C-alpha atoms as a PDB file:
ATOM      1  CA  UNK A   1      12.286  31.958 -10.357  1.00  0.00           C
ATOM      2  CA  UNK A   2      11.126  28.581  -9.028  1.00  0.00           C
ATOM      3  CA  UNK A   3      12.279  24.989  -8.533  1.00  0.00           C
ATOM      4  CA  UNK A   4      10.167  21.906  -9.400  1.00  0.00           C
ATOM      5  CA  UNK A   5      10.658  18.832  -7.176  1.00  0.00           C
ATOM      6  CA  UNK A   6       9.023  15.369  -7.079  1.00  0.00           C
ATOM      7  CA  UNK A   7       7.827  13.738  -3.855  1.00  0.00           C
ATOM      8  CA  UNK A   8       6.974  10.030  -3.688  1.00  0.00           C
ATOM      9  CA  UNK A   9       7.692   6.965  -1.572  1.00  0.00           C
ATOM     10  CA  UNK A  10      10.632   5.668  -3.628  1.00  0.00           C
ATOM     11  CA  UNK A  11      12.744   8.810  -3.452  1.00  0.00           C
ATOM     12  CA  UNK A  12      16.252   8.387  -2.097  1.00  0.00           C
ATOM     13  CA  UNK A  13      17.105  10.117   1.162  1.00  0.00           C
ATOM     14  CA  UNK A  14      19.077  12.965  -0.398  1.00  0.00           C
ATOM     15  CA  UNK A  15      16.195  13.717  -2.780  1.00  0.00           C
ATOM     16  CA  UNK A  16      13.704  13.726   0.089  1.00  0.00           C
ATOM     17  CA  UNK A  17      15.892  16.223   1.939  1.00  0.00           C
ATOM     18  CA  UNK A  18      15.907  18.393  -1.175  1.00  0.00           C
ATOM     19  CA  UNK A  19      12.106  18.621  -0.904  1.00  0.00           C
ATOM     20  CA  UNK A  20      12.092  19.302   2.844  1.00  0.00           C
ATOM     21  CA  UNK A  21      14.965  21.788   2.818  1.00  0.00           C
ATOM     22  CA  UNK A  22      14.162  25.499   2.774  1.00  0.00           C
ATOM     23  CA  UNK A  23      14.885  27.184  -0.597  1.00  0.00           C
ATOM     24  CA  UNK A  24      15.289  30.813  -1.492  1.00  0.00           C
ATOM     25  CA  UNK A  25      13.417  30.017  -4.711  1.00  0.00           C
ATOM     26  CA  UNK A  26       9.712  29.206  -4.822  1.00  0.00           C
ATOM     27  CA  UNK A  27       9.113  25.451  -4.615  1.00  0.00           C
ATOM     28  CA  UNK A  28       6.615  23.574  -6.801  1.00  0.00           C
ATOM     29  CA  UNK A  29       6.274  20.017  -5.488  1.00  0.00           C
ATOM     30  CA  UNK A  30       4.688  17.305  -7.627  1.00  0.00           C
ATOM     31  CA  UNK A  31       3.548  14.804  -5.003  1.00  0.00           C
ATOM     32  CA  UNK A  32       1.780  11.476  -4.691  1.00  0.00           C
ATOM     33  CA  UNK A  33      -0.547  10.648  -1.787  1.00  0.00           C
ATOM     34  CA  UNK A  34       2.505  10.473   0.484  1.00  0.00           C
ATOM     35  CA  UNK A  35       2.070  14.224   0.875  1.00  0.00           C
ATOM     36  CA  UNK A  36      -1.167  13.767   2.833  1.00  0.00           C
ATOM     37  CA  UNK A  37       0.642  12.061   5.715  1.00  0.00           C
ATOM     38  CA  UNK A  38       1.920  13.985   8.720  1.00  0.00           C
ATOM     39  CA  UNK A  39       4.631  15.527   6.557  1.00  0.00           C
ATOM     40  CA  UNK A  40       5.304  19.218   7.086  1.00  0.00           C
ATOM     41  CA  UNK A  41       7.108  21.124   4.342  1.00  0.00           C
ATOM     42  CA  UNK A  42       8.115  24.666   5.178  1.00  0.00           C
ATOM     43  CA  UNK A  43       6.778  27.340   2.857  1.00  0.00           C
ATOM     44  CA  UNK A  44       3.850  25.395   1.354  1.00  0.00           C
ATOM     45  CA  UNK A  45       0.895  27.754   1.148  1.00  0.00           C
ATOM     46  CA  UNK A  46      -1.028  26.336  -1.835  1.00  0.00           C
ATOM     47  CA  UNK A  47      -2.261  22.808  -2.623  1.00  0.00           C
ATOM     48  CA  UNK A  48      -3.688  21.963  -6.042  1.00  0.00           C
ATOM     49  CA  UNK A  49      -5.621  18.700  -5.724  1.00  0.00           C
ATOM     50  CA  UNK A  50      -6.468  16.635  -8.818  1.00  0.00           C
ATOM     51  CA  UNK A  51      -9.048  14.755  -6.665  1.00  0.00           C
ATOM     52  CA  UNK A  52      -7.724  11.366  -7.791  1.00  0.00           C
ATOM     53  CA  UNK A  53      -5.745   8.657  -6.024  1.00  0.00           C
ATOM     54  CA  UNK A  54      -3.964   5.415  -6.845  1.00  0.00           C
ATOM     55  CA  UNK A  55      -5.217   2.265  -5.117  1.00  0.00           C
ATOM     56  CA  UNK A  56      -3.962  -1.304  -5.129  1.00  0.00           C
ATOM     57  CA  UNK A  57      -6.878  -3.544  -6.058  1.00  0.00           C
ATOM     58  CA  UNK A  58      -7.017  -7.303  -6.456  1.00  0.00           C
ATOM     59  CA  UNK A  59      -7.429  -8.449 -10.055  1.00  0.00           C
ATOM     60  CA  UNK A  60      -9.227 -11.811 -10.039  1.00  0.00           C
ATOM     61  CA  UNK A  61      -8.121 -12.596 -13.595  1.00  0.00           C
ATOM     62  CA  UNK A  62      -4.372 -12.621 -12.844  1.00  0.00           C
ATOM     63  CA  UNK A  63      -4.755 -13.211  -9.071  1.00  0.00           C
ATOM     64  CA  UNK A  64      -2.521 -10.233  -8.255  1.00  0.00           C
ATOM     65  CA  UNK A  65      -2.848  -6.601  -7.232  1.00  0.00           C
ATOM     66  CA  UNK A  66      -2.848  -3.835  -9.811  1.00  0.00           C
ATOM     67  CA  UNK A  67      -2.655  -0.092  -9.280  1.00  0.00           C
ATOM     68  CA  UNK A  68      -5.667   1.783 -10.584  1.00  0.00           C
ATOM     69  CA  UNK A  69      -6.532   5.479 -10.621  1.00  0.00           C
ATOM     70  CA  UNK A  70      -9.822   6.282  -8.921  1.00  0.00           C
ATOM     71  CA  UNK A  71     -11.675   9.186  -7.340  1.00  0.00           C
ATOM     72  CA  UNK A  72     -10.269  10.257  -4.003  1.00  0.00           C
ATOM     73  CA  UNK A  73     -12.544  10.193  -0.974  1.00  0.00           C
ATOM     74  CA  UNK A  74     -13.730  13.315   0.808  1.00  0.00           C
ATOM     75  CA  UNK A  75     -11.557  12.432   3.811  1.00  0.00           C
ATOM     76  CA  UNK A  76      -8.497  12.087   1.596  1.00  0.00           C
ATOM     77  CA  UNK A  77      -9.099  15.451  -0.056  1.00  0.00           C
ATOM     78  CA  UNK A  78      -9.630  17.150   3.302  1.00  0.00           C
ATOM     79  CA  UNK A  79      -6.379  15.657   4.564  1.00  0.00           C
ATOM     80  CA  UNK A  80      -4.535  16.832   1.448  1.00  0.00           C
ATOM     81  CA  UNK A  81      -5.858  20.338   1.945  1.00  0.00           C
ATOM     82  CA  UNK A  82      -4.207  20.330   5.355  1.00  0.00           C
ATOM     83  CA  UNK A  83      -0.748  20.327   3.726  1.00  0.00           C
ATOM     84  CA  UNK A  84      -1.272  24.013   2.930  1.00  0.00           C
ATOM     85  CA  UNK A  85      -1.205  26.313   5.895  1.00  0.00           C
ATOM     86  CA  UNK A  86       0.381  23.983   8.436  1.00  0.00           C
ATOM     87  CA  UNK A  87       2.818  26.744   9.375  1.00  0.00           C
ATOM     88  CA  UNK A  88       0.932  29.739   7.956  1.00  0.00           C
ATOM     89  CA  UNK A  89      -2.261  30.654   6.138  1.00  0.00           C
ATOM     90  CA  UNK A  90      -2.836  28.592   2.989  1.00  0.00           C
ATOM     91  CA  UNK A  91      -5.274  27.770   0.188  1.00  0.00           C
ATOM     92  CA  UNK A  92      -6.400  24.532  -1.468  1.00  0.00           C
ATOM     93  CA  UNK A  93      -7.702  24.427  -5.045  1.00  0.00           C
ATOM     94  CA  UNK A  94      -9.622  21.281  -6.000  1.00  0.00           C
ATOM     95  CA  UNK A  95      -9.881  20.567  -9.728  1.00  0.00           C
ATOM     96  CA  UNK A  96     -13.616  19.890  -9.588  1.00  0.00           C
ATOM     97  CA  UNK A  97     -16.894  21.744  -9.327  1.00  0.00           C
ATOM     98  CA  UNK A  98     -17.618  22.703  -5.718  1.00  0.00           C
ATOM     99  CA  UNK A  99     -20.964  20.873  -5.723  1.00  0.00           C
ATOM    100  CA  UNK A 100     -19.267  17.660  -6.903  1.00  0.00           C
ATOM    101  CA  UNK A 101     -17.475  17.233  -3.578  1.00  0.00           C
ATOM    102  CA  UNK A 102     -20.590  15.879  -1.874  1.00  0.00           C
ATOM    103  CA  UNK A 103     -20.956  13.136  -4.515  1.00  0.00           C
ATOM    104  CA  UNK A 104     -17.582  11.617  -3.591  1.00  0.00           C
ATOM    105  CA  UNK A 105     -17.424   8.803  -1.012  1.00  0.00           C
ATOM    106  CA  UNK A 106     -16.757   9.911   2.557  1.00  0.00           C
ATOM    107  CA  UNK A 107     -13.824   7.510   3.109  1.00  0.00           C
ATOM    108  CA  UNK A 108     -11.635   5.300   0.934  1.00  0.00           C
ATOM    109  CA  UNK A 109     -12.080   1.543   1.305  1.00  0.00           C
ATOM    110  CA  UNK A 110      -9.456  -0.141   3.457  1.00  0.00           C
ATOM    111  CA  UNK A 111      -6.747  -2.311   1.898  1.00  0.00           C
ATOM    112  CA  UNK A 112      -8.194  -5.497   3.416  1.00  0.00           C
ATOM    113  CA  UNK A 113     -11.300  -4.975   1.272  1.00  0.00           C
ATOM    114  CA  UNK A 114      -9.422  -4.191  -1.945  1.00  0.00           C
ATOM    115  CA  UNK A 115      -5.950  -5.708  -2.083  1.00  0.00           C
ATOM    116  CA  UNK A 116      -4.431  -9.173  -2.452  1.00  0.00           C
ATOM    117  CA  UNK A 117      -4.805 -11.112   0.818  1.00  0.00           C
ATOM    118  CA  UNK A 118      -1.964 -13.626   0.376  1.00  0.00           C
ATOM    119  CA  UNK A 119       0.525 -11.681   2.507  1.00  0.00           C
ATOM    120  CA  UNK A 120      -2.199 -11.108   5.109  1.00  0.00           C
ATOM    121  CA  UNK A 121      -3.055 -14.821   5.179  1.00  0.00           C
ATOM    122  CA  UNK A 122       0.614 -15.766   5.453  1.00  0.00           C
ATOM    123  CA  UNK A 123       0.942 -13.470   8.470  1.00  0.00           C
ATOM    124  CA  UNK A 124      -2.070 -15.110  10.109  1.00  0.00           C
ATOM    125  CA  UNK A 125      -0.489 -18.502   9.581  1.00  0.00           C
ATOM    126  CA  UNK A 126       2.781 -17.293  11.128  1.00  0.00           C
ATOM    127  CA  UNK A 127       0.796 -16.084  14.147  1.00  0.00           C
ATOM    128  CA  UNK A 128      -0.630 -19.571  14.560  1.00  0.00           C
ATOM    129  CA  UNK A 129      -4.108 -19.693  13.018  1.00  0.00           C
ATOM    130  CA  UNK A 130      -5.848 -19.181   9.687  1.00  0.00           C
ATOM    131  CA  UNK A 131      -9.220 -18.831  11.411  1.00  0.00           C
ATOM    132  CA  UNK A 132     -10.517 -15.276  10.995  1.00  0.00           C
ATOM    133  CA  UNK A 133     -12.641 -15.710  14.125  1.00  0.00           C
ATOM    134  CA  UNK A 134      -9.450 -15.943  16.192  1.00  0.00           C
ATOM    135  CA  UNK A 135      -8.649 -12.287  15.491  1.00  0.00           C
ATOM    136  CA  UNK A 136     -10.314  -8.967  16.318  1.00  0.00           C
ATOM    137  CA  UNK A 137     -10.362  -7.283  12.899  1.00  0.00           C
ATOM    138  CA  UNK A 138     -11.794  -3.831  12.305  1.00  0.00           C
ATOM    139  CA  UNK A 139     -12.843  -4.941   8.812  1.00  0.00           C
ATOM    140  CA  UNK A 140     -13.484  -8.463   7.571  1.00  0.00           C
ATOM    141  CA  UNK A 141     -11.870  -9.592   4.300  1.00  0.00           C
ATOM    142  CA  UNK A 142     -13.873 -10.903   1.360  1.00  0.00           C
ATOM    143  CA  UNK A 143     -14.366 -14.628   2.060  1.00  0.00           C
ATOM    144  CA  UNK A 144     -13.735 -15.794  -1.525  1.00  0.00           C
ATOM    145  CA  UNK A 145     -10.529 -13.755  -1.829  1.00  0.00           C
ATOM    146  CA  UNK A 146      -9.383 -15.041   1.540  1.00  0.00           C
ATOM    147  CA  UNK A 147     -10.009 -18.640   0.462  1.00  0.00           C
ATOM    148  CA  UNK A 148      -8.153 -17.972  -2.808  1.00  0.00           C
ATOM    149  CA  UNK A 149      -5.156 -16.664  -0.855  1.00  0.00           C
ATOM    150  CA  UNK A 150      -5.072 -19.846   1.242  1.00  0.00           C
ATOM    151  CA  UNK A 151      -5.202 -21.911  -1.943  1.00  0.00           C
ATOM    152  CA  UNK A 152      -2.257 -19.926  -3.354  1.00  0.00           C
ATOM    153  CA  UNK A 153      -0.235 -20.606  -0.194  1.00  0.00           C
ATOM    154  CA  UNK A 154      -1.054 -24.284  -0.561  1.00  0.00           C
ATOM    155  CA  UNK A 155       0.159 -24.256  -4.177  1.00  0.00           C
ATOM    156  CA  UNK A 156       3.418 -22.648  -2.988  1.00  0.00           C
ATOM    157  CA  UNK A 157       3.930 -25.622  -0.646  1.00  0.00           C
ATOM    158  CA  UNK A 158       3.643 -23.322   2.356  1.00  0.00           C
ATOM    159  CA  UNK A 159       0.976 -25.384   4.150  1.00  0.00           C
ATOM    160  CA  UNK A 160       0.965 -28.797   5.743  1.00  0.00           C
ATOM    161  CA  UNK A 161      -2.001 -31.193   5.725  1.00  0.00           C
ATOM    162  CA  UNK A 162      -4.589 -30.546   8.328  1.00  0.00           C
ATOM    163  CA  UNK A 163      -4.478 -30.362  12.095  1.00  0.00           C
ATOM    164  CA  UNK A 164      -8.020 -30.936  13.335  1.00  0.00           C
ATOM    165  CA  UNK A 165      -9.117 -30.249   9.747  1.00  0.00           C
ATOM    166  CA  UNK A 166      -7.232 -26.925   9.678  1.00  0.00           C
ATOM    167  CA  UNK A 167      -4.224 -25.876   7.616  1.00  0.00           C
ATOM    168  CA  UNK A 168      -0.982 -25.036   9.381  1.00  0.00           C
ATOM    169  CA  UNK A 169       2.097 -23.220   8.108  1.00  0.00           C
ATOM    170  CA  UNK A 170       5.015 -25.568   7.483  1.00  0.00           C
ATOM    171  CA  UNK A 171       8.766 -24.825   7.610  1.00  0.00           C
ATOM    172  CA  UNK A 172       8.777 -23.455   4.068  1.00  0.00           C
ATOM    173  CA  UNK A 173       5.788 -21.254   4.874  1.00  0.00           C
ATOM    174  CA  UNK A 174       7.579 -19.836   7.910  1.00  0.00           C
ATOM    175  CA  UNK A 175      10.554 -19.013   5.677  1.00  0.00           C
ATOM    176  CA  UNK A 176       8.217 -17.210   3.269  1.00  0.00           C
ATOM    177  CA  UNK A 177       6.768 -15.170   6.133  1.00  0.00           C
ATOM    178  CA  UNK A 178      10.215 -13.828   7.060  1.00  0.00           C
ATOM    179  CA  UNK A 179      10.777 -12.155   3.677  1.00  0.00           C
ATOM    180  CA  UNK A 180       9.114  -8.781   3.189  1.00  0.00           C
ATOM    181  CA  UNK A 181       8.008  -9.504  -0.385  1.00  0.00           C
ATOM    182  CA  UNK A 182       4.925 -11.158  -1.883  1.00  0.00           C
ATOM    183  CA  UNK A 183       4.833 -14.881  -1.010  1.00  0.00           C
ATOM    184  CA  UNK A 184       5.184 -15.761  -4.711  1.00  0.00           C
ATOM    185  CA  UNK A 185       8.459 -13.842  -4.890  1.00  0.00           C
ATOM    186  CA  UNK A 186       9.627 -15.205  -1.539  1.00  0.00           C
ATOM    187  CA  UNK A 187       8.971 -18.729  -2.840  1.00  0.00           C
ATOM    188  CA  UNK A 188      11.007 -18.001  -5.961  1.00  0.00           C
ATOM    189  CA  UNK A 189      13.948 -16.619  -3.955  1.00  0.00           C
ATOM    190  CA  UNK A 190      14.034 -19.498  -1.477  1.00  0.00           C
ATOM    191  CA  UNK A 191      13.799 -22.145  -4.206  1.00  0.00           C
ATOM    192  CA  UNK A 192      16.479 -20.341  -6.233  1.00  0.00           C
ATOM    193  CA  UNK A 193      18.744 -20.242  -3.179  1.00  0.00           C
ATOM    194  CA  UNK A 194      18.697 -24.039  -3.075  1.00  0.00           C
ATOM    195  CA  UNK A 195      20.083 -23.951  -6.647  1.00  0.00           C
ATOM    196  CA  UNK A 196      22.738 -21.366  -5.749  1.00  0.00           C
ATOM    197  CA  UNK A 197      20.837 -18.651  -7.622  1.00  0.00           C
ATOM    198  CA  UNK A 198      19.542 -16.497  -4.746  1.00  0.00           C
ATOM    199  CA  UNK A 199      21.218 -13.316  -6.009  1.00  0.00           C
ATOM    200  CA  UNK A 200      19.775 -13.772  -9.501  1.00  0.00           C
ATOM    201  CA  UNK A 201      16.311 -14.358  -8.030  1.00  0.00           C
ATOM    202  CA  UNK A 202      16.558 -11.163  -5.962  1.00  0.00           C
ATOM    203  CA  UNK A 203      17.546  -9.166  -9.061  1.00  0.00           C
ATOM    204  CA  UNK A 204      14.600 -10.651 -10.963  1.00  0.00           C
END
């Protein structure tokens, strides 16, 4: 007899505990990439890896991120394999031909190279400068996507004129930076609040 449990980032606390708790029945856990983090689940001795992963990638057509399914990197698959055998001997089965492993990329691209940069740009503005050269970044963003993100902030009325020919974040922009949602949604909520419709905006 066995029990089948899901594991993903949006699980409620009690459901997460259900996954982590020891069971007298055999557990089968259907997990997203969250399982490759430093999570230790007692009793896991086998990992079956589909060798795919979901990535947020910027869609130029609609100027927003979209989740796509792509091949996992070698590093990601190695990390997933480590879920089995953390507390005892374990086995990982990859759903691919053994020789195919070497054809996969060594590492997944970082989010700064793939995802929407508007939130990133807003954070830079809140720190005091939109100049990339003012920061020590491990990876540089795509210049065109970065410029597009600045233009979006400008269209959301988050930027003021120029100071020495440079944009600066205005009061509205600082308000946007304090909400942990996409600047478009933050703009909607703040504008709705002025109309007495903040709750409705949050629900939307």
